[in-house]
Amino acid sequence: ASAAILFFPGVGAFGSCMAMLERKQLVEPLRAYIRAGRPFLGICLGMQTLFESSEESPGVAGLGVVPGAVGRFDVASHGLYVPQ
């Protein structure tokens, strides 16, 4: 509650991240912090959790601060490579 800026990095799977946030009762405090317009930087998975959901973990709700779902890159049809 007293943080001046919140950096929210993340590595791992969307579903397990959201499960951990639920277990530690951090979902509502995170939503309240972000909705209050306070400085927030989500990196990688930290950014993905802001959305309503992710194709990576069907049926798992995100923080829902940003409308929409995180989708996979369509690399096959473009001949691209995405690491990991």
N, C-alpha and C. Protein backbone atom coordinates (compact mmCIF):
# COMPACT_ATOMS: atom_id res chain seq x y z
N ALA A 1 0.82 -1.20 0.00
CA ALA A 1 0.00 0.00 0.00
C ALA A 1 0.86 1.26 0.00
N SER A 2 2.09 1.17 0.48
CA SER A 2 2.92 2.37 0.56
C SER A 2 3.95 2.45 -0.58
N ALA A 3 3.90 1.52 -1.51
CA ALA A 3 4.87 1.52 -2.61
C ALA A 3 4.67 2.74 -3.50
N ALA A 4 5.76 3.39 -3.85
CA ALA A 4 5.70 4.55 -4.74
C ALA A 4 5.54 4.09 -6.19
N ILE A 5 6.22 3.00 -6.54
CA ILE A 5 6.17 2.42 -7.88
C ILE A 5 6.15 0.91 -7.71
N LEU A 6 5.36 0.23 -8.54
CA LEU A 6 5.29 -1.22 -8.47
C LEU A 6 5.86 -1.82 -9.75
N PHE A 7 6.96 -2.57 -9.62
CA PHE A 7 7.53 -3.33 -10.72
C PHE A 7 7.07 -4.76 -10.54
N PHE A 8 6.45 -5.32 -11.57
CA PHE A 8 5.89 -6.67 -11.48
C PHE A 8 6.47 -7.53 -12.60
N PRO A 9 7.69 -8.08 -12.38
CA PRO A 9 8.28 -8.95 -13.40
C PRO A 9 7.66 -10.34 -13.30
N GLY A 10 7.95 -11.16 -14.25
CA GLY A 10 7.44 -12.51 -14.16
C GLY A 10 8.05 -13.43 -15.18
N VAL A 11 8.29 -14.65 -14.77
CA VAL A 11 8.75 -15.71 -15.63
C VAL A 11 7.94 -16.93 -15.25
N GLY A 12 7.38 -17.61 -16.23
CA GLY A 12 6.61 -18.80 -15.93
C GLY A 12 5.30 -18.82 -16.68
N ALA A 13 4.38 -19.60 -16.17
CA ALA A 13 3.09 -19.82 -16.83
C ALA A 13 2.01 -18.93 -16.22
N PHE A 14 1.14 -18.43 -17.08
CA PHE A 14 0.05 -17.56 -16.68
C PHE A 14 -0.82 -18.20 -15.59
N GLY A 15 -1.23 -19.44 -15.79
CA GLY A 15 -2.11 -20.12 -14.84
C GLY A 15 -1.50 -20.27 -13.46
N SER A 16 -0.25 -20.71 -13.41
CA SER A 16 0.37 -20.89 -12.08
C SER A 16 0.65 -19.55 -11.42
N CYS A 17 0.93 -18.52 -12.19
CA CYS A 17 1.13 -17.19 -11.62
C CYS A 17 -0.16 -16.68 -10.98
N MET A 18 -1.27 -16.81 -11.70
CA MET A 18 -2.55 -16.34 -11.16
C MET A 18 -2.95 -17.16 -9.93
N ALA A 19 -2.66 -18.46 -9.94
CA ALA A 19 -2.96 -19.31 -8.78
C ALA A 19 -2.16 -18.84 -7.56
N MET A 20 -0.89 -18.50 -7.77
CA MET A 20 -0.06 -18.01 -6.67
C MET A 20 -0.58 -16.67 -6.13
N LEU A 21 -0.97 -15.78 -7.05
CA LEU A 21 -1.52 -14.48 -6.61
C LEU A 21 -2.79 -14.68 -5.80
N GLU A 22 -3.63 -15.63 -6.21
CA GLU A 22 -4.85 -15.94 -5.46
C GLU A 22 -4.50 -16.49 -4.07
N ARG A 23 -3.58 -17.46 -4.03
CA ARG A 23 -3.20 -18.08 -2.75
C ARG A 23 -2.67 -17.05 -1.76
N LYS A 24 -1.90 -16.11 -2.27
CA LYS A 24 -1.29 -15.10 -1.40
C LYS A 24 -2.19 -13.87 -1.21
N GLN A 25 -3.41 -13.96 -1.72
CA GLN A 25 -4.42 -12.90 -1.61
C GLN A 25 -3.89 -11.55 -2.12
N LEU A 26 -3.25 -11.61 -3.30
CA LEU A 26 -2.69 -10.41 -3.89
C LEU A 26 -3.48 -9.87 -5.08
N VAL A 27 -4.49 -10.62 -5.54
CA VAL A 27 -5.24 -10.20 -6.73
C VAL A 27 -5.95 -8.87 -6.49
N GLU A 28 -6.73 -8.76 -5.45
CA GLU A 28 -7.47 -7.52 -5.20
C GLU A 28 -6.56 -6.34 -4.87
N PRO A 29 -5.53 -6.52 -4.03
CA PRO A 29 -4.61 -5.40 -3.80
C PRO A 29 -3.93 -4.92 -5.09
N LEU A 30 -3.56 -5.85 -5.99
CA LEU A 30 -2.95 -5.45 -7.26
C LEU A 30 -3.94 -4.66 -8.11
N ARG A 31 -5.17 -5.17 -8.21
CA ARG A 31 -6.20 -4.46 -8.99
C ARG A 31 -6.43 -3.06 -8.43
N ALA A 32 -6.55 -2.96 -7.13
CA ALA A 32 -6.81 -1.65 -6.51
C ALA A 32 -5.66 -0.68 -6.76
N TYR A 33 -4.43 -1.17 -6.64
CA TYR A 33 -3.25 -0.33 -6.86
C TYR A 33 -3.26 0.21 -8.29
N ILE A 34 -3.47 -0.67 -9.26
CA ILE A 34 -3.42 -0.28 -10.67
C ILE A 34 -4.59 0.63 -11.03
N ARG A 35 -5.78 0.29 -10.58
CA ARG A 35 -6.97 1.10 -10.89
C ARG A 35 -6.91 2.49 -10.25
N ALA A 36 -6.10 2.64 -9.21
CA ALA A 36 -5.94 3.95 -8.57
C ALA A 36 -5.03 4.86 -9.40
N GLY A 37 -4.49 4.32 -10.50
CA GLY A 37 -3.64 5.12 -11.38
C GLY A 37 -2.22 5.29 -10.89
N ARG A 38 -1.81 4.44 -9.99
CA ARG A 38 -0.46 4.54 -9.45
C ARG A 38 0.55 3.92 -10.41
N PRO A 39 1.83 4.30 -10.35
CA PRO A 39 2.84 3.81 -11.29
C PRO A 39 3.03 2.30 -11.20
N PHE A 40 2.94 1.65 -12.35
CA PHE A 40 3.03 0.19 -12.42
C PHE A 40 3.78 -0.18 -13.69
N LEU A 41 4.70 -1.13 -13.60
CA LEU A 41 5.39 -1.65 -14.76
C LEU A 41 5.34 -3.17 -14.71
N GLY A 42 4.57 -3.75 -15.61
CA GLY A 42 4.51 -5.20 -15.73
C GLY A 42 5.47 -5.66 -16.80
N ILE A 43 6.34 -6.59 -16.47
CA ILE A 43 7.33 -7.09 -17.42
C ILE A 43 7.02 -8.56 -17.72
N CYS A 44 6.93 -8.88 -19.00
CA CYS A 44 6.69 -10.24 -19.45
C CYS A 44 5.40 -10.79 -18.84
N LEU A 45 5.49 -11.78 -18.00
CA LEU A 45 4.30 -12.37 -17.38
C LEU A 45 3.56 -11.34 -16.53
N GLY A 46 4.29 -10.42 -15.91
CA GLY A 46 3.66 -9.36 -15.13
C GLY A 46 2.73 -8.51 -15.97
N MET A 47 3.08 -8.29 -17.24
CA MET A 47 2.22 -7.55 -18.17
C MET A 47 1.04 -8.41 -18.61
N GLN A 48 1.28 -9.68 -18.86
CA GLN A 48 0.21 -10.57 -19.32
C GLN A 48 -0.90 -10.71 -18.28
N THR A 49 -0.55 -10.71 -17.00
CA THR A 49 -1.57 -10.89 -15.96
C THR A 49 -2.56 -9.73 -15.92
N LEU A 50 -2.21 -8.60 -16.52
CA LEU A 50 -3.13 -7.45 -16.54
C LEU A 50 -4.37 -7.74 -17.37
N PHE A 51 -4.29 -8.65 -18.32
CA PHE A 51 -5.40 -8.95 -19.21
C PHE A 51 -6.44 -9.86 -18.54
N GLU A 52 -7.58 -10.01 -19.20
CA GLU A 52 -8.67 -10.83 -18.66
C GLU A 52 -8.34 -12.31 -18.69
N SER A 53 -7.55 -12.74 -19.68
CA SER A 53 -7.22 -14.15 -19.80
C SER A 53 -6.03 -14.33 -20.74
N SER A 54 -5.62 -15.59 -20.89
CA SER A 54 -4.51 -15.92 -21.78
C SER A 54 -4.79 -17.25 -22.45
N GLU A 55 -4.47 -17.36 -23.73
CA GLU A 55 -4.61 -18.64 -24.45
C GLU A 55 -3.74 -19.71 -23.82
N GLU A 56 -2.71 -19.31 -23.11
CA GLU A 56 -1.79 -20.25 -22.48
C GLU A 56 -2.48 -21.09 -21.41
N SER A 57 -3.45 -20.50 -20.71
CA SER A 57 -4.14 -21.19 -19.61
C SER A 57 -5.65 -20.96 -19.75
N PRO A 58 -6.30 -21.68 -20.66
CA PRO A 58 -7.74 -21.50 -20.86
C PRO A 58 -8.53 -21.68 -19.56
N GLY A 59 -9.49 -20.78 -19.35
CA GLY A 59 -10.34 -20.88 -18.16
C GLY A 59 -9.78 -20.18 -16.94
N VAL A 60 -8.56 -19.69 -17.01
CA VAL A 60 -7.95 -18.99 -15.87
C VAL A 60 -8.12 -17.48 -16.08
N ALA A 61 -8.70 -16.82 -15.10
CA ALA A 61 -8.91 -15.38 -15.19
C ALA A 61 -7.66 -14.63 -14.79
N GLY A 62 -7.37 -13.56 -15.55
CA GLY A 62 -6.28 -12.66 -15.19
C GLY A 62 -6.79 -11.57 -14.28
N LEU A 63 -6.01 -10.53 -14.09
CA LEU A 63 -6.43 -9.42 -13.23
C LEU A 63 -7.58 -8.63 -13.85
N GLY A 64 -7.69 -8.67 -15.18
CA GLY A 64 -8.82 -8.02 -15.85
C GLY A 64 -8.74 -6.51 -15.88
N VAL A 65 -7.57 -5.96 -15.69
CA VAL A 65 -7.40 -4.51 -15.73
C VAL A 65 -7.42 -4.02 -17.18
N VAL A 66 -6.91 -4.84 -18.09
CA VAL A 66 -6.91 -4.54 -19.52
C VAL A 66 -7.87 -5.52 -20.20
N PRO A 67 -8.85 -5.01 -20.96
CA PRO A 67 -9.77 -5.92 -21.64
C PRO A 67 -9.06 -6.75 -22.71
N GLY A 68 -9.45 -7.99 -22.83
CA GLY A 68 -8.91 -8.84 -23.88
C GLY A 68 -8.13 -10.02 -23.35
N ALA A 69 -7.67 -10.82 -24.30
CA ALA A 69 -6.92 -12.03 -23.97
C ALA A 69 -5.54 -11.98 -24.62
N VAL A 70 -4.56 -12.52 -23.94
CA VAL A 70 -3.21 -12.63 -24.49
C VAL A 70 -3.20 -13.85 -25.41
N GLY A 71 -2.76 -13.64 -26.66
CA GLY A 71 -2.72 -14.73 -27.63
C GLY A 71 -1.30 -15.04 -28.05
N ARG A 72 -1.15 -16.18 -28.66
CA ARG A 72 0.16 -16.59 -29.16
C ARG A 72 0.44 -15.88 -30.48
N PHE A 73 1.72 -15.68 -30.76
CA PHE A 73 2.14 -15.15 -32.06
C PHE A 73 1.86 -16.21 -33.12
N ASP A 74 1.39 -15.80 -34.27
CA ASP A 74 1.19 -16.69 -35.41
C ASP A 74 2.49 -16.70 -36.21
N VAL A 75 3.46 -17.45 -35.73
CA VAL A 75 4.79 -17.42 -36.35
C VAL A 75 4.89 -18.35 -37.55
N ALA A 76 4.17 -19.44 -37.55
CA ALA A 76 4.29 -20.43 -38.60
C ALA A 76 3.98 -19.86 -39.97
N SER A 77 2.92 -19.07 -40.07
CA SER A 77 2.51 -18.55 -41.37
C SER A 77 3.40 -17.40 -41.83
N HIS A 78 4.26 -16.89 -40.96
CA HIS A 78 5.12 -15.78 -41.32
C HIS A 78 6.59 -16.17 -41.37
N GLY A 79 6.90 -17.43 -41.09
CA GLY A 79 8.28 -17.89 -41.13
C GLY A 79 9.15 -17.27 -40.06
N LEU A 80 8.56 -16.95 -38.92
CA LEU A 80 9.29 -16.30 -37.83
C LEU A 80 9.62 -17.31 -36.73
N TYR A 81 10.51 -16.90 -35.85
CA TYR A 81 10.89 -17.72 -34.70
C TYR A 81 10.73 -16.88 -33.44
N VAL A 82 10.03 -17.42 -32.46
CA VAL A 82 9.89 -16.76 -31.16
C VAL A 82 10.56 -17.64 -30.13
N PRO A 83 11.56 -17.15 -29.42
CA PRO A 83 12.24 -17.98 -28.43
C PRO A 83 11.30 -18.40 -27.31
N GLN A 84 11.53 -19.57 -26.79
CA GLN A 84 10.76 -20.16 -25.71
C GLN A 84 9.35 -20.34 -26.13
